N, C-alpha and C. Protein backbone atom coordinates (compact mmCIF):
# COMPACT_ATOMS: atom_id res chain seq x y z
N MET A 1 135.11 124.76 92.64
CA MET A 1 134.96 123.38 93.07
C MET A 1 134.51 123.39 94.53
N SER A 2 133.57 122.53 94.83
CA SER A 2 133.02 122.45 96.18
C SER A 2 133.70 121.33 96.96
N TYR A 3 133.79 121.52 98.27
CA TYR A 3 134.30 120.46 99.14
C TYR A 3 133.31 119.30 99.24
N LEU A 4 132.10 119.51 98.75
CA LEU A 4 131.07 118.48 98.85
C LEU A 4 131.02 117.55 97.64
N ASN A 5 131.77 117.86 96.59
CA ASN A 5 131.76 117.00 95.41
C ASN A 5 132.12 115.57 95.78
N ASN A 6 131.28 114.64 95.33
CA ASN A 6 131.49 113.20 95.52
C ASN A 6 131.57 112.78 96.99
N GLN A 7 130.99 113.56 97.88
CA GLN A 7 131.01 113.22 99.30
C GLN A 7 129.67 112.65 99.73
N ARG A 8 129.70 111.65 100.61
CA ARG A 8 128.47 111.10 101.17
C ARG A 8 128.21 111.68 102.57
N HIS A 9 129.25 112.14 103.22
CA HIS A 9 129.14 112.71 104.56
C HIS A 9 129.88 114.04 104.57
N PHE A 10 129.38 114.96 105.38
CA PHE A 10 130.01 116.27 105.42
C PHE A 10 129.67 116.96 106.74
N GLN A 11 130.49 117.93 107.07
CA GLN A 11 130.22 118.78 108.23
C GLN A 11 129.33 119.93 107.79
N ARG A 12 128.51 120.42 108.69
CA ARG A 12 127.60 121.52 108.36
C ARG A 12 128.36 122.74 107.83
N ALA A 13 129.55 122.96 108.35
CA ALA A 13 130.35 124.12 107.93
C ALA A 13 130.73 124.05 106.45
N ALA A 14 130.69 122.86 105.86
CA ALA A 14 131.05 122.71 104.44
C ALA A 14 129.91 123.12 103.51
N LEU A 15 128.72 123.32 104.06
CA LEU A 15 127.57 123.70 103.23
C LEU A 15 127.65 125.16 102.82
N PRO A 16 127.13 125.48 101.65
CA PRO A 16 127.06 126.89 101.25
C PRO A 16 126.02 127.63 102.10
N PRO A 17 125.98 128.95 102.03
CA PRO A 17 124.98 129.70 102.79
C PRO A 17 123.56 129.32 102.37
N ARG A 18 122.62 129.59 103.27
CA ARG A 18 121.22 129.24 103.03
C ARG A 18 120.73 129.78 101.69
N SER A 19 121.05 131.01 101.37
CA SER A 19 120.56 131.62 100.12
C SER A 19 121.02 130.84 98.90
N GLN A 20 122.22 130.32 98.95
CA GLN A 20 122.72 129.53 97.82
C GLN A 20 122.07 128.14 97.79
N LEU A 21 121.89 127.54 98.95
CA LEU A 21 121.21 126.23 99.01
C LEU A 21 119.79 126.33 98.46
N GLU A 22 119.11 127.43 98.79
CA GLU A 22 117.72 127.63 98.35
C GLU A 22 117.60 127.64 96.83
N LEU A 23 118.69 127.92 96.12
CA LEU A 23 118.65 127.89 94.66
C LEU A 23 118.45 126.46 94.14
N HIS A 24 118.81 125.48 94.95
CA HIS A 24 118.81 124.09 94.50
C HIS A 24 117.83 123.19 95.24
N VAL A 25 117.59 123.47 96.51
CA VAL A 25 116.73 122.61 97.33
C VAL A 25 115.89 123.47 98.26
N ASN A 26 114.86 122.87 98.83
CA ASN A 26 114.10 123.52 99.89
C ASN A 26 114.96 123.40 101.15
N TYR A 27 115.40 124.53 101.69
CA TYR A 27 116.36 124.53 102.79
C TYR A 27 115.85 123.76 104.01
N GLU A 28 114.60 124.03 104.44
CA GLU A 28 114.06 123.37 105.63
C GLU A 28 114.01 121.85 105.45
N GLU A 29 113.52 121.44 104.29
CA GLU A 29 113.41 120.01 104.02
C GLU A 29 114.79 119.36 103.95
N PHE A 30 115.73 120.06 103.33
CA PHE A 30 117.10 119.54 103.22
C PHE A 30 117.72 119.36 104.61
N THR A 31 117.63 120.37 105.45
CA THR A 31 118.25 120.26 106.78
C THR A 31 117.55 119.21 107.63
N ARG A 32 116.23 119.14 107.52
CA ARG A 32 115.48 118.11 108.25
C ARG A 32 115.93 116.72 107.81
N SER A 33 116.05 116.52 106.50
CA SER A 33 116.47 115.22 105.97
C SER A 33 117.89 114.88 106.37
N SER A 34 118.77 115.86 106.35
CA SER A 34 120.17 115.58 106.68
C SER A 34 120.37 115.34 108.17
N GLN A 35 119.40 115.74 108.99
CA GLN A 35 119.49 115.52 110.44
C GLN A 35 118.77 114.25 110.86
N GLY A 36 118.26 113.49 109.90
CA GLY A 36 117.57 112.26 110.26
C GLY A 36 116.21 112.51 110.87
N PHE A 37 115.46 113.45 110.31
CA PHE A 37 114.13 113.79 110.81
C PHE A 37 113.30 112.52 111.00
N PRO A 38 112.75 112.30 112.18
CA PRO A 38 112.02 111.05 112.44
C PRO A 38 110.70 110.97 111.68
N LEU A 39 110.28 109.74 111.43
CA LEU A 39 108.98 109.51 110.79
C LEU A 39 107.88 109.96 111.73
N PRO A 40 106.81 110.56 111.20
CA PRO A 40 105.66 110.87 112.05
C PRO A 40 105.10 109.57 112.65
N LYS A 41 104.53 109.65 113.86
CA LYS A 41 104.08 108.45 114.58
C LYS A 41 103.12 107.59 113.77
N ASP A 42 102.16 108.22 113.08
CA ASP A 42 101.19 107.41 112.33
C ASP A 42 101.86 106.69 111.16
N ILE A 43 102.81 107.36 110.50
CA ILE A 43 103.54 106.73 109.40
C ILE A 43 104.44 105.63 109.95
N ARG A 44 105.08 105.90 111.07
CA ARG A 44 105.96 104.91 111.71
C ARG A 44 105.20 103.63 112.01
N GLU A 45 104.01 103.78 112.57
CA GLU A 45 103.20 102.61 112.92
C GLU A 45 102.78 101.84 111.67
N LEU A 46 102.35 102.56 110.66
CA LEU A 46 101.93 101.93 109.41
C LEU A 46 103.10 101.18 108.75
N VAL A 47 104.26 101.80 108.70
CA VAL A 47 105.44 101.16 108.11
C VAL A 47 105.82 99.92 108.93
N ALA A 48 105.78 100.02 110.25
CA ALA A 48 106.11 98.87 111.10
C ALA A 48 105.16 97.70 110.84
N GLU A 49 103.87 97.99 110.72
CA GLU A 49 102.89 96.94 110.41
C GLU A 49 103.19 96.30 109.06
N ARG A 50 103.49 97.13 108.09
CA ARG A 50 103.78 96.60 106.74
C ARG A 50 105.06 95.77 106.73
N LEU A 51 106.05 96.21 107.48
CA LEU A 51 107.28 95.42 107.58
C LEU A 51 106.99 94.05 108.16
N HIS A 52 106.13 94.01 109.17
CA HIS A 52 105.76 92.73 109.78
C HIS A 52 104.99 91.86 108.78
N SER A 53 104.11 92.46 108.01
CA SER A 53 103.36 91.72 106.99
C SER A 53 104.29 91.13 105.94
N VAL A 54 105.27 91.92 105.51
CA VAL A 54 106.25 91.44 104.53
C VAL A 54 107.05 90.28 105.11
N TYR A 55 107.43 90.41 106.38
CA TYR A 55 108.16 89.33 107.06
C TYR A 55 107.33 88.04 107.06
N MET A 56 106.06 88.15 107.43
CA MET A 56 105.21 86.95 107.48
C MET A 56 105.05 86.34 106.09
N LYS A 57 104.86 87.17 105.07
CA LYS A 57 104.72 86.66 103.70
C LYS A 57 105.99 85.94 103.27
N HIS A 58 107.13 86.53 103.58
CA HIS A 58 108.41 85.91 103.22
C HIS A 58 108.56 84.56 103.92
N GLN A 59 108.20 84.49 105.19
CA GLN A 59 108.29 83.22 105.92
C GLN A 59 107.39 82.16 105.29
N ARG A 60 106.17 82.55 104.95
CA ARG A 60 105.23 81.60 104.31
C ARG A 60 105.75 81.15 102.95
N ASP A 61 106.20 82.10 102.14
CA ASP A 61 106.70 81.77 100.80
C ASP A 61 107.91 80.86 100.86
N THR A 62 108.80 81.12 101.81
CA THR A 62 109.99 80.28 101.97
C THR A 62 109.59 78.87 102.38
N ALA A 63 108.66 78.77 103.33
CA ALA A 63 108.20 77.45 103.78
C ALA A 63 107.45 76.72 102.67
N ARG A 64 106.64 77.45 101.92
CA ARG A 64 105.85 76.83 100.86
C ARG A 64 106.75 76.23 99.77
N ALA A 65 107.96 76.72 99.64
CA ALA A 65 108.90 76.17 98.66
C ALA A 65 109.36 74.77 99.06
N GLN A 66 109.14 74.41 100.31
CA GLN A 66 109.49 73.07 100.78
C GLN A 66 108.35 72.11 100.42
N PRO A 67 108.68 70.91 99.89
CA PRO A 67 107.63 69.98 99.45
C PRO A 67 106.60 69.64 100.53
N GLU A 68 107.01 69.54 101.77
CA GLU A 68 106.06 69.17 102.84
C GLU A 68 105.04 70.26 103.15
N HIS A 69 105.30 71.49 102.71
CA HIS A 69 104.38 72.61 102.99
C HIS A 69 103.65 73.10 101.74
N GLU A 70 103.94 72.54 100.61
CA GLU A 70 103.48 73.07 99.32
C GLU A 70 101.98 73.31 99.24
N PHE A 71 101.16 72.41 99.78
CA PHE A 71 99.71 72.51 99.60
C PHE A 71 98.96 72.89 100.87
N LYS A 72 99.67 73.37 101.87
CA LYS A 72 99.00 73.76 103.12
C LYS A 72 98.30 75.09 102.97
N ALA A 73 97.17 75.24 103.65
CA ALA A 73 96.44 76.51 103.66
C ALA A 73 97.29 77.55 104.39
N PRO A 74 97.21 78.83 103.97
CA PRO A 74 98.03 79.88 104.60
C PRO A 74 97.87 79.95 106.12
N GLU A 75 96.63 79.80 106.62
CA GLU A 75 96.44 79.90 108.08
C GLU A 75 97.08 78.72 108.81
N ASP A 76 97.03 77.51 108.20
CA ASP A 76 97.67 76.34 108.82
C ASP A 76 99.19 76.50 108.81
N LEU A 77 99.70 76.99 107.70
CA LEU A 77 101.14 77.22 107.59
C LEU A 77 101.58 78.28 108.59
N GLY A 78 100.78 79.33 108.75
CA GLY A 78 101.09 80.38 109.71
C GLY A 78 101.16 79.86 111.13
N LYS A 79 100.23 78.97 111.48
CA LYS A 79 100.23 78.37 112.83
C LYS A 79 101.47 77.50 113.02
N GLU A 80 101.77 76.70 112.00
CA GLU A 80 102.93 75.81 112.10
C GLU A 80 104.23 76.60 112.23
N LEU A 81 104.31 77.72 111.52
CA LEU A 81 105.51 78.56 111.57
C LEU A 81 105.50 79.50 112.78
N LYS A 82 104.42 79.46 113.55
CA LYS A 82 104.24 80.32 114.73
C LYS A 82 104.28 81.80 114.36
N LEU A 83 103.64 82.13 113.23
CA LEU A 83 103.53 83.53 112.82
C LEU A 83 102.38 84.17 113.57
N THR A 84 102.58 85.39 114.00
CA THR A 84 101.58 86.10 114.81
C THR A 84 101.15 87.37 114.11
N ALA A 85 99.84 87.57 114.03
CA ALA A 85 99.31 88.80 113.43
C ALA A 85 99.76 90.01 114.25
N TRP A 86 99.87 91.16 113.61
CA TRP A 86 100.32 92.39 114.26
C TRP A 86 99.53 92.67 115.54
N GLU A 87 98.23 92.53 115.46
CA GLU A 87 97.36 92.84 116.61
C GLU A 87 97.67 91.95 117.81
N ASP A 88 98.18 90.74 117.56
CA ASP A 88 98.44 89.79 118.64
C ASP A 88 99.91 89.73 119.07
N LEU A 89 100.74 90.52 118.41
CA LEU A 89 102.18 90.51 118.74
C LEU A 89 102.43 91.10 120.12
N LYS A 90 103.45 90.57 120.79
CA LYS A 90 103.89 91.18 122.04
C LYS A 90 104.47 92.55 121.71
N GLU A 91 104.37 93.46 122.66
CA GLU A 91 104.84 94.84 122.45
C GLU A 91 106.32 94.89 122.08
N GLU A 92 107.11 94.00 122.64
CA GLU A 92 108.55 93.96 122.34
C GLU A 92 108.79 93.72 120.84
N LYS A 93 108.01 92.83 120.25
CA LYS A 93 108.15 92.53 118.81
C LYS A 93 107.64 93.70 117.97
N ARG A 94 106.56 94.33 118.42
CA ARG A 94 106.06 95.51 117.69
C ARG A 94 107.10 96.62 117.70
N GLU A 95 107.71 96.82 118.86
CA GLU A 95 108.71 97.88 118.98
C GLU A 95 109.92 97.58 118.09
N SER A 96 110.26 96.32 117.93
CA SER A 96 111.34 95.95 117.02
C SER A 96 111.01 96.38 115.60
N SER A 97 109.77 96.17 115.17
CA SER A 97 109.36 96.61 113.83
C SER A 97 109.35 98.13 113.73
N ARG A 98 108.96 98.80 114.80
CA ARG A 98 108.97 100.27 114.80
C ARG A 98 110.40 100.80 114.67
N GLU A 99 111.31 100.17 115.41
CA GLU A 99 112.72 100.59 115.33
C GLU A 99 113.28 100.33 113.93
N HIS A 100 112.85 99.24 113.32
CA HIS A 100 113.24 98.97 111.93
C HIS A 100 112.74 100.10 111.04
N ALA A 101 111.49 100.50 111.22
CA ALA A 101 110.91 101.60 110.43
C ALA A 101 111.72 102.89 110.63
N ASP A 102 112.16 103.14 111.86
CA ASP A 102 112.93 104.35 112.15
C ASP A 102 114.23 104.44 111.36
N THR A 103 114.77 103.29 110.97
CA THR A 103 116.06 103.29 110.27
C THR A 103 115.92 103.50 108.76
N ILE A 104 114.72 103.46 108.24
CA ILE A 104 114.53 103.56 106.79
C ILE A 104 115.05 104.87 106.20
N PRO A 105 114.75 106.04 106.80
CA PRO A 105 115.30 107.27 106.22
C PRO A 105 116.83 107.26 106.11
N GLY A 106 117.50 106.75 107.12
CA GLY A 106 118.96 106.66 107.08
C GLY A 106 119.45 105.69 106.03
N LYS A 107 118.75 104.57 105.90
CA LYS A 107 119.13 103.60 104.87
C LYS A 107 118.96 104.19 103.48
N LEU A 108 117.89 104.93 103.28
CA LEU A 108 117.68 105.56 101.98
C LEU A 108 118.82 106.51 101.64
N ARG A 109 119.34 107.22 102.65
CA ARG A 109 120.46 108.13 102.39
C ARG A 109 121.71 107.37 101.92
N LEU A 110 121.82 106.09 102.30
CA LEU A 110 122.94 105.28 101.81
C LEU A 110 122.89 105.09 100.30
N THR A 111 121.71 105.25 99.72
CA THR A 111 121.53 105.08 98.27
C THR A 111 121.30 106.43 97.60
N ASP A 112 121.66 107.51 98.29
CA ASP A 112 121.48 108.87 97.78
C ASP A 112 120.01 109.23 97.55
N CYS A 113 119.13 108.64 98.34
CA CYS A 113 117.69 108.95 98.30
C CYS A 113 117.29 109.49 99.66
N PHE A 114 116.10 110.07 99.74
CA PHE A 114 115.60 110.50 101.04
C PHE A 114 114.08 110.53 101.02
N VAL A 115 113.51 110.50 102.21
CA VAL A 115 112.07 110.55 102.38
C VAL A 115 111.63 112.00 102.30
N SER A 116 110.58 112.26 101.54
CA SER A 116 110.04 113.62 101.49
C SER A 116 108.58 113.56 101.10
N LEU A 117 107.94 114.69 101.23
CA LEU A 117 106.57 114.80 100.76
C LEU A 117 106.56 114.69 99.24
N VAL A 118 105.47 114.19 98.70
CA VAL A 118 105.36 114.07 97.24
C VAL A 118 105.27 115.47 96.65
N LYS A 119 106.16 115.75 95.73
CA LYS A 119 106.17 117.05 95.06
C LYS A 119 106.45 116.82 93.59
N GLY A 120 105.79 117.60 92.76
CA GLY A 120 106.00 117.48 91.32
C GLY A 120 107.43 117.79 90.94
N GLY A 121 107.91 117.14 89.91
CA GLY A 121 109.25 117.40 89.43
C GLY A 121 110.33 116.56 90.07
N ARG A 122 110.01 115.90 91.17
CA ARG A 122 110.99 115.03 91.82
C ARG A 122 110.79 113.60 91.32
N PRO A 123 111.84 112.96 90.91
CA PRO A 123 111.66 111.57 90.47
C PRO A 123 111.43 110.66 91.68
N LYS A 124 110.48 109.75 91.56
CA LYS A 124 110.24 108.76 92.61
C LYS A 124 111.12 107.56 92.32
N VAL A 125 111.61 106.96 93.39
CA VAL A 125 112.40 105.74 93.23
C VAL A 125 111.41 104.59 93.05
N LYS A 126 111.50 103.93 91.92
CA LYS A 126 110.59 102.82 91.65
C LYS A 126 111.26 101.48 91.89
N GLN A 127 112.57 101.47 91.78
CA GLN A 127 113.31 100.23 91.97
C GLN A 127 114.76 100.58 92.30
N PHE A 128 115.36 99.76 93.17
CA PHE A 128 116.76 99.93 93.50
C PHE A 128 117.60 98.99 92.64
N SER A 129 118.83 99.40 92.37
CA SER A 129 119.76 98.52 91.65
C SER A 129 120.17 97.37 92.57
N LEU A 130 120.75 96.34 92.01
CA LEU A 130 121.21 95.20 92.82
C LEU A 130 122.27 95.64 93.83
N ASP A 131 123.15 96.56 93.43
CA ASP A 131 124.16 97.08 94.36
C ASP A 131 123.51 97.84 95.51
N GLU A 132 122.48 98.63 95.21
CA GLU A 132 121.78 99.37 96.26
C GLU A 132 121.06 98.42 97.21
N VAL A 133 120.43 97.38 96.66
CA VAL A 133 119.76 96.39 97.50
C VAL A 133 120.77 95.72 98.42
N GLU A 134 121.94 95.41 97.89
CA GLU A 134 122.99 94.80 98.69
C GLU A 134 123.43 95.74 99.83
N THR A 135 123.60 97.01 99.52
CA THR A 135 123.96 98.01 100.53
C THR A 135 122.90 98.08 101.63
N LEU A 136 121.64 98.13 101.22
CA LEU A 136 120.54 98.19 102.18
C LEU A 136 120.48 96.92 103.03
N ALA A 137 120.68 95.77 102.40
CA ALA A 137 120.62 94.50 103.12
C ALA A 137 121.74 94.39 104.16
N ILE A 138 122.93 94.81 103.79
CA ILE A 138 124.07 94.76 104.72
C ILE A 138 123.79 95.64 105.93
N ASP A 139 123.27 96.84 105.69
CA ASP A 139 122.97 97.76 106.78
C ASP A 139 121.86 97.20 107.68
N GLU A 140 120.83 96.62 107.08
CA GLU A 140 119.73 96.06 107.88
C GLU A 140 120.20 94.86 108.68
N LYS A 141 121.04 94.03 108.10
CA LYS A 141 121.57 92.87 108.83
C LYS A 141 122.38 93.33 110.04
N ALA A 142 123.16 94.38 109.88
CA ALA A 142 123.94 94.92 111.00
C ALA A 142 123.00 95.43 112.09
N ARG A 143 121.92 96.13 111.71
CA ARG A 143 120.95 96.62 112.68
C ARG A 143 120.29 95.46 113.41
N TRP A 144 119.88 94.46 112.65
CA TRP A 144 119.20 93.30 113.22
C TRP A 144 120.12 92.57 114.20
N ASN A 145 121.38 92.34 113.79
CA ASN A 145 122.35 91.68 114.67
C ASN A 145 122.56 92.48 115.95
N SER A 146 122.69 93.78 115.82
CA SER A 146 122.89 94.64 116.98
C SER A 146 121.70 94.55 117.94
N GLU A 147 120.50 94.56 117.38
CA GLU A 147 119.29 94.45 118.21
C GLU A 147 119.27 93.13 118.96
N ARG A 148 119.62 92.04 118.30
CA ARG A 148 119.61 90.72 118.94
C ARG A 148 120.68 90.61 120.02
N LEU A 149 121.84 91.21 119.77
CA LEU A 149 122.92 91.14 120.75
C LEU A 149 122.62 91.94 122.01
N GLN A 150 121.76 92.95 121.90
CA GLN A 150 121.42 93.78 123.05
C GLN A 150 120.43 93.10 123.99
N LYS A 151 119.86 91.99 123.56
CA LYS A 151 118.86 91.30 124.39
C LYS A 151 119.49 90.26 125.26
């Protein structure tokens, strides 16, 4: 029986030797993932931009559900909601999206998933369960609140 059974967190000393780990996982990738290996800069920027795009779409969709906004053109609605394209965002807002992107690998670990290169034989996560979405949402809300309180 291993001390790691059913554990989400562990000390490095609880891990088996490298040779035994290599039987089950790629050792370098495993240790990098468990240490919170940061996203490469180009990926970080792309994810931050996409997060901002998703935010803007959500804001528009939420507003469009209101009768007074139902038939407005997207650009008019965007102006009214004061939505700003990524290219025109202040650096402080861009950095907020980048910091959000930085937290994604850690959030994935909360659902027993991790970021890795695409490799055959590994199942890709196509959808999270409602419980996993709730876990991710709670963690993101805590991050967001912390960021706002620091300003």
